[in-house]
Amino acid sequence: MRLWNPIACDPESKTAYVKILMITSRGHTHDRASMAIVNSNCNEVMVDQALLITIYICNIKCSLKVQFEKERKEHEEAISDTERSALQDKERLKKEITSRIEDTRMLMLQQMDEQLNAVRTGFLIQILICEDLAFQKMCIIFQFTHL
């Protein structure tokens, strides 16, 4: 098949060729493009070439749509992975902070128990010292009274 060269022809043929390209690029059939031949001075070679170009353009559009859908799905998966990772990190940090808080609470309770035991021991010592002093005082008073 001999290709028709739209550049090396008269302006009317170029205009008709552009009309056929517009008709075929809109998804119309070969019959519709053939009807355009009746209203213009295009030949079958021009129509066939326009249809081939249209099919080529449609194939490019389809491949671009497929590529776009593929990239959109990959992007959605990447976003989903990122959100899942962020959620896992958030849960991990929450567990870690909860663990640290619990450890700190246990340490503070242990320190409070130790301090409380120290205070109790101090009170017991003071009570024993007071009782001992009271006993010694009674002994001294007893000695002075029975002399």
C-alpha atoms as a PDB file:
ATOM      1  CA  MET A   1       0.000   0.000   0.000  1.00  0.00           C
ATOM      2  CA  ARG A   2       1.317   3.367  -0.991  1.00  0.00           C
ATOM      3  CA  LEU A   3       1.189   6.014   1.721  1.00  0.00           C
ATOM      4  CA  TRP A   4      -0.384   9.305   0.904  1.00  0.00           C
ATOM      5  CA  ASN A   5       1.733  12.317   1.780  1.00  0.00           C
ATOM      6  CA  PRO A   6      -0.491  15.093   3.143  1.00  0.00           C
ATOM      7  CA  ILE A   7       2.323  17.639   2.992  1.00  0.00           C
ATOM      8  CA  ALA A   8       2.849  17.314  -0.776  1.00  0.00           C
ATOM      9  CA  CYS A   9      -0.744  17.935  -1.859  1.00  0.00           C
ATOM     10  CA  ASP A  10      -3.172  20.787  -2.388  1.00  0.00           C
ATOM     11  CA  PRO A  11      -4.777  22.620   0.557  1.00  0.00           C
ATOM     12  CA  GLU A  12      -8.237  21.140  -0.085  1.00  0.00           C
ATOM     13  CA  SER A  13      -6.883  17.596   0.240  1.00  0.00           C
ATOM     14  CA  LYS A  14      -5.099  18.559   3.449  1.00  0.00           C
ATOM     15  CA  THR A  15      -8.342  19.932   4.867  1.00  0.00           C
ATOM     16  CA  ALA A  16     -10.249  16.821   3.849  1.00  0.00           C
ATOM     17  CA  TYR A  17      -7.522  14.636   5.345  1.00  0.00           C
ATOM     18  CA  VAL A  18      -7.752  16.552   8.627  1.00  0.00           C
ATOM     19  CA  LYS A  19     -11.536  16.044   8.600  1.00  0.00           C
ATOM     20  CA  ILE A  20     -11.078  12.312   8.110  1.00  0.00           C
ATOM     21  CA  LEU A  21      -8.515  12.192  10.899  1.00  0.00           C
ATOM     22  CA  MET A  22     -10.966  13.988  13.174  1.00  0.00           C
ATOM     23  CA  ILE A  23     -13.794  11.610  12.249  1.00  0.00           C
ATOM     24  CA  THR A  24     -11.704   8.488  12.727  1.00  0.00           C
ATOM     25  CA  SER A  25     -10.004   9.729  15.863  1.00  0.00           C
ATOM     26  CA  ARG A  26     -13.414  10.087  17.491  1.00  0.00           C
ATOM     27  CA  GLY A  27     -13.841   6.355  17.197  1.00  0.00           C
ATOM     28  CA  HIS A  28     -16.050   6.263  14.128  1.00  0.00           C
ATOM     29  CA  THR A  29     -15.924   3.361  11.705  1.00  0.00           C
ATOM     30  CA  HIS A  30     -14.363   3.055   8.285  1.00  0.00           C
ATOM     31  CA  ASP A  31     -17.846   3.462   6.718  1.00  0.00           C
ATOM     32  CA  ARG A  32     -18.261   6.856   8.348  1.00  0.00           C
ATOM     33  CA  ALA A  33     -14.856   7.901   7.069  1.00  0.00           C
ATOM     34  CA  SER A  34     -15.807   6.585   3.642  1.00  0.00           C
ATOM     35  CA  MET A  35     -18.879   8.801   3.748  1.00  0.00           C
ATOM     36  CA  ALA A  36     -16.540  11.727   4.293  1.00  0.00           C
ATOM     37  CA  ILE A  37     -14.854  10.824   1.025  1.00  0.00           C
ATOM     38  CA  VAL A  38     -18.067  11.536  -0.875  1.00  0.00           C
ATOM     39  CA  ASN A  39     -18.175  15.056   0.587  1.00  0.00           C
ATOM     40  CA  SER A  40     -14.484  15.739   0.006  1.00  0.00           C
ATOM     41  CA  ASN A  41     -11.881  15.015  -2.583  1.00  0.00           C
ATOM     42  CA  CYS A  42     -10.089  12.284  -0.556  1.00  0.00           C
ATOM     43  CA  ASN A  43      -9.226   8.894  -1.936  1.00  0.00           C
ATOM     44  CA  GLU A  44      -9.236   5.451  -0.285  1.00  0.00           C
ATOM     45  CA  VAL A  45      -5.516   5.636   0.428  1.00  0.00           C
ATOM     46  CA  MET A  46      -6.056   8.808   2.452  1.00  0.00           C
ATOM     47  CA  VAL A  47      -8.873   7.189   4.430  1.00  0.00           C
ATOM     48  CA  ASP A  48      -6.897   3.999   5.031  1.00  0.00           C
ATOM     49  CA  GLN A  49      -3.895   5.980   6.172  1.00  0.00           C
ATOM     50  CA  ALA A  50      -6.088   8.097   8.461  1.00  0.00           C
ATOM     51  CA  LEU A  51      -7.591   4.932   9.942  1.00  0.00           C
ATOM     52  CA  LEU A  52      -4.161   3.409  10.483  1.00  0.00           C
ATOM     53  CA  ILE A  53      -2.991   6.562  12.218  1.00  0.00           C
ATOM     54  CA  THR A  54      -6.154   6.573  14.314  1.00  0.00           C
ATOM     55  CA  ILE A  55      -5.663   2.929  15.285  1.00  0.00           C
ATOM     56  CA  TYR A  56      -2.056   3.700  16.209  1.00  0.00           C
ATOM     57  CA  ILE A  57      -3.163   6.675  18.321  1.00  0.00           C
ATOM     58  CA  CYS A  58      -5.889   4.571  19.984  1.00  0.00           C
ATOM     59  CA  ASN A  59      -3.315   1.895  20.792  1.00  0.00           C
ATOM     60  CA  ILE A  60      -1.068   4.535  22.335  1.00  0.00           C
ATOM     61  CA  LYS A  61      -4.026   5.874  24.362  1.00  0.00           C
ATOM     62  CA  CYS A  62      -4.900   2.368  25.543  1.00  0.00           C
ATOM     63  CA  SER A  63      -1.320   1.596  26.523  1.00  0.00           C
ATOM     64  CA  LEU A  64      -1.104   4.920  28.351  1.00  0.00           C
ATOM     65  CA  LYS A  65      -4.362   4.137  30.173  1.00  0.00           C
ATOM     66  CA  VAL A  66      -3.028   0.729  31.184  1.00  0.00           C
ATOM     67  CA  GLN A  67       0.249   2.290  32.304  1.00  0.00           C
ATOM     68  CA  PHE A  68      -1.641   4.994  34.198  1.00  0.00           C
ATOM     69  CA  GLU A  69      -3.813   2.408  35.958  1.00  0.00           C
ATOM     70  CA  LYS A  70      -0.740   0.362  36.823  1.00  0.00           C
ATOM     71  CA  GLU A  71       1.072   3.391  38.244  1.00  0.00           C
ATOM     72  CA  ARG A  72      -2.100   4.468  40.113  1.00  0.00           C
ATOM     73  CA  LYS A  73      -2.359   1.023  41.721  1.00  0.00           C
ATOM     74  CA  GLU A  74       1.344   1.058  42.618  1.00  0.00           C
ATOM     75  CA  HIS A  75       0.914   4.517  44.123  1.00  0.00           C
ATOM     76  CA  GLU A  76      -2.110   3.369  46.148  1.00  0.00           C
ATOM     77  CA  GLU A  77      -0.140   0.339  47.363  1.00  0.00           C
ATOM     78  CA  ALA A  78       2.776   2.577  48.322  1.00  0.00           C
ATOM     79  CA  ILE A  79       0.431   4.870  50.253  1.00  0.00           C
ATOM     80  CA  SER A  80      -1.184   1.856  51.915  1.00  0.00           C
ATOM     81  CA  ASP A  81       2.243   0.467  52.860  1.00  0.00           C
ATOM     82  CA  THR A  82       3.296   3.835  54.250  1.00  0.00           C
ATOM     83  CA  GLU A  83       0.090   4.162  56.275  1.00  0.00           C
ATOM     84  CA  ARG A  84       0.444   0.603  57.568  1.00  0.00           C
ATOM     85  CA  SER A  85       4.068   1.259  58.517  1.00  0.00           C
ATOM     86  CA  ALA A  86       3.109   4.501  60.270  1.00  0.00           C
ATOM     87  CA  LEU A  87       0.353   2.706  62.183  1.00  0.00           C
ATOM     88  CA  GLN A  88       2.760  -0.075  63.207  1.00  0.00           C
ATOM     89  CA  ASP A  89       5.321   2.505  64.340  1.00  0.00           C
ATOM     90  CA  LYS A  90       2.644   4.314  66.311  1.00  0.00           C
ATOM     91  CA  GLU A  91       1.551   1.080  68.015  1.00  0.00           C
ATOM     92  CA  ARG A  92       5.178   0.147  68.736  1.00  0.00           C
ATOM     93  CA  LEU A  93       5.842   3.571  70.265  1.00  0.00           C
ATOM     94  CA  LYS A  94       2.645   3.334  72.308  1.00  0.00           C
ATOM     95  CA  LYS A  95       3.735  -0.052  73.703  1.00  0.00           C
ATOM     96  CA  GLU A  96       7.240   1.228  74.364  1.00  0.00           C
ATOM     97  CA  ILE A  97       5.990   4.333  76.185  1.00  0.00           C
ATOM     98  CA  THR A  98       3.492   2.265  78.176  1.00  0.00           C
ATOM     99  CA  SER A  99       6.294  -0.100  79.158  1.00  0.00           C
ATOM    100  CA  ARG A 100       8.539   2.795  80.199  1.00  0.00           C
ATOM    101  CA  ILE A 101       5.737   4.374  82.221  1.00  0.00           C
ATOM    102  CA  GLU A 102       5.053   1.051  83.960  1.00  0.00           C
ATOM    103  CA  ASP A 103       8.777   0.581  84.697  1.00  0.00           C
ATOM    104  CA  THR A 104       9.000   4.122  86.090  1.00  0.00           C
ATOM    105  CA  ARG A 105       5.873   3.581  88.202  1.00  0.00           C
ATOM    106  CA  MET A 106       7.281   0.346  89.632  1.00  0.00           C
ATOM    107  CA  LEU A 107      10.615   2.033  90.374  1.00  0.00           C
ATOM    108  CA  MET A 108       8.877   4.935  92.117  1.00  0.00           C
ATOM    109  CA  LEU A 109       6.717   2.556  94.158  1.00  0.00           C
ATOM    110  CA  GLN A 110       9.839   0.646  95.185  1.00  0.00           C
ATOM    111  CA  GLN A 111      11.583   3.877  96.184  1.00  0.00           C
ATOM    112  CA  MET A 112       8.513   4.985  98.146  1.00  0.00           C
ATOM    113  CA  ASP A 113       8.445   1.618  99.958  1.00  0.00           C
ATOM    114  CA  GLU A 114      12.138   1.972 100.779  1.00  0.00           C
ATOM    115  CA  GLN A 115      11.606   5.513 102.058  1.00  0.00           C
ATOM    116  CA  LEU A 116       8.545   4.418 104.034  1.00  0.00           C
ATOM    117  CA  ASN A 117      10.541   1.567 105.565  1.00  0.00           C
ATOM    118  CA  ALA A 118      13.305   4.020 106.434  1.00  0.00           C
ATOM    119  CA  VAL A 119      10.785   6.338 108.098  1.00  0.00           C
ATOM    120  CA  ARG A 120       9.173   3.412 109.954  1.00  0.00           C
ATOM    121  CA  THR A 121      12.567   2.249 111.117  1.00  0.00           C
ATOM    122  CA  GLY A 122      13.343   5.800 112.243  1.00  0.00           C
ATOM    123  CA  PHE A 123      10.063   6.005 114.148  1.00  0.00           C
ATOM    124  CA  LEU A 124      10.698   2.607 115.782  1.00  0.00           C
ATOM    125  CA  ILE A 125      14.178   3.700 116.819  1.00  0.00           C
ATOM    126  CA  GLN A 126      12.799   6.948 118.230  1.00  0.00           C
ATOM    127  CA  ILE A 127      10.087   5.034 120.115  1.00  0.00           C
ATOM    128  CA  LEU A 128      12.683   2.607 121.519  1.00  0.00           C
ATOM    129  CA  ILE A 129      14.964   5.490 122.500  1.00  0.00           C
ATOM    130  CA  CYS A 130      12.036   7.294 124.137  1.00  0.00           C
ATOM    131  CA  GLU A 131      11.034   4.142 126.023  1.00  0.00           C
ATOM    132  CA  ASP A 132      14.640   3.565 127.077  1.00  0.00           C
ATOM    133  CA  LEU A 133      14.951   7.169 128.244  1.00  0.00           C
ATOM    134  CA  ALA A 134      11.642   6.879 130.095  1.00  0.00           C
ATOM    135  CA  PHE A 135      12.874   3.669 131.736  1.00  0.00           C
ATOM    136  CA  GLN A 136      16.205   5.302 132.663  1.00  0.00           C
ATOM    137  CA  LYS A 137      14.314   8.324 134.000  1.00  0.00           C
ATOM    138  CA  MET A 138      12.163   6.055 136.128  1.00  0.00           C
ATOM    139  CA  CYS A 139      15.259   4.245 137.364  1.00  0.00           C
ATOM    140  CA  ILE A 140      16.915   7.536 138.311  1.00  0.00           C
ATOM    141  CA  ILE A 141      13.752   8.777 140.008  1.00  0.00           C
ATOM    142  CA  PHE A 142      13.445   5.438 141.826  1.00  0.00           C
ATOM    143  CA  GLN A 143      17.062   5.700 143.020  1.00  0.00           C
ATOM    144  CA  PHE A 144      16.621   9.235 144.291  1.00  0.00           C
ATOM    145  CA  THR A 145      13.400   8.455 146.033  1.00  0.00           C
ATOM    146  CA  HIS A 146      14.746   5.386 147.842  1.00  0.00           C
ATOM    147  CA  LEU A 147      17.951   6.723 149.150  1.00  0.00           C
END
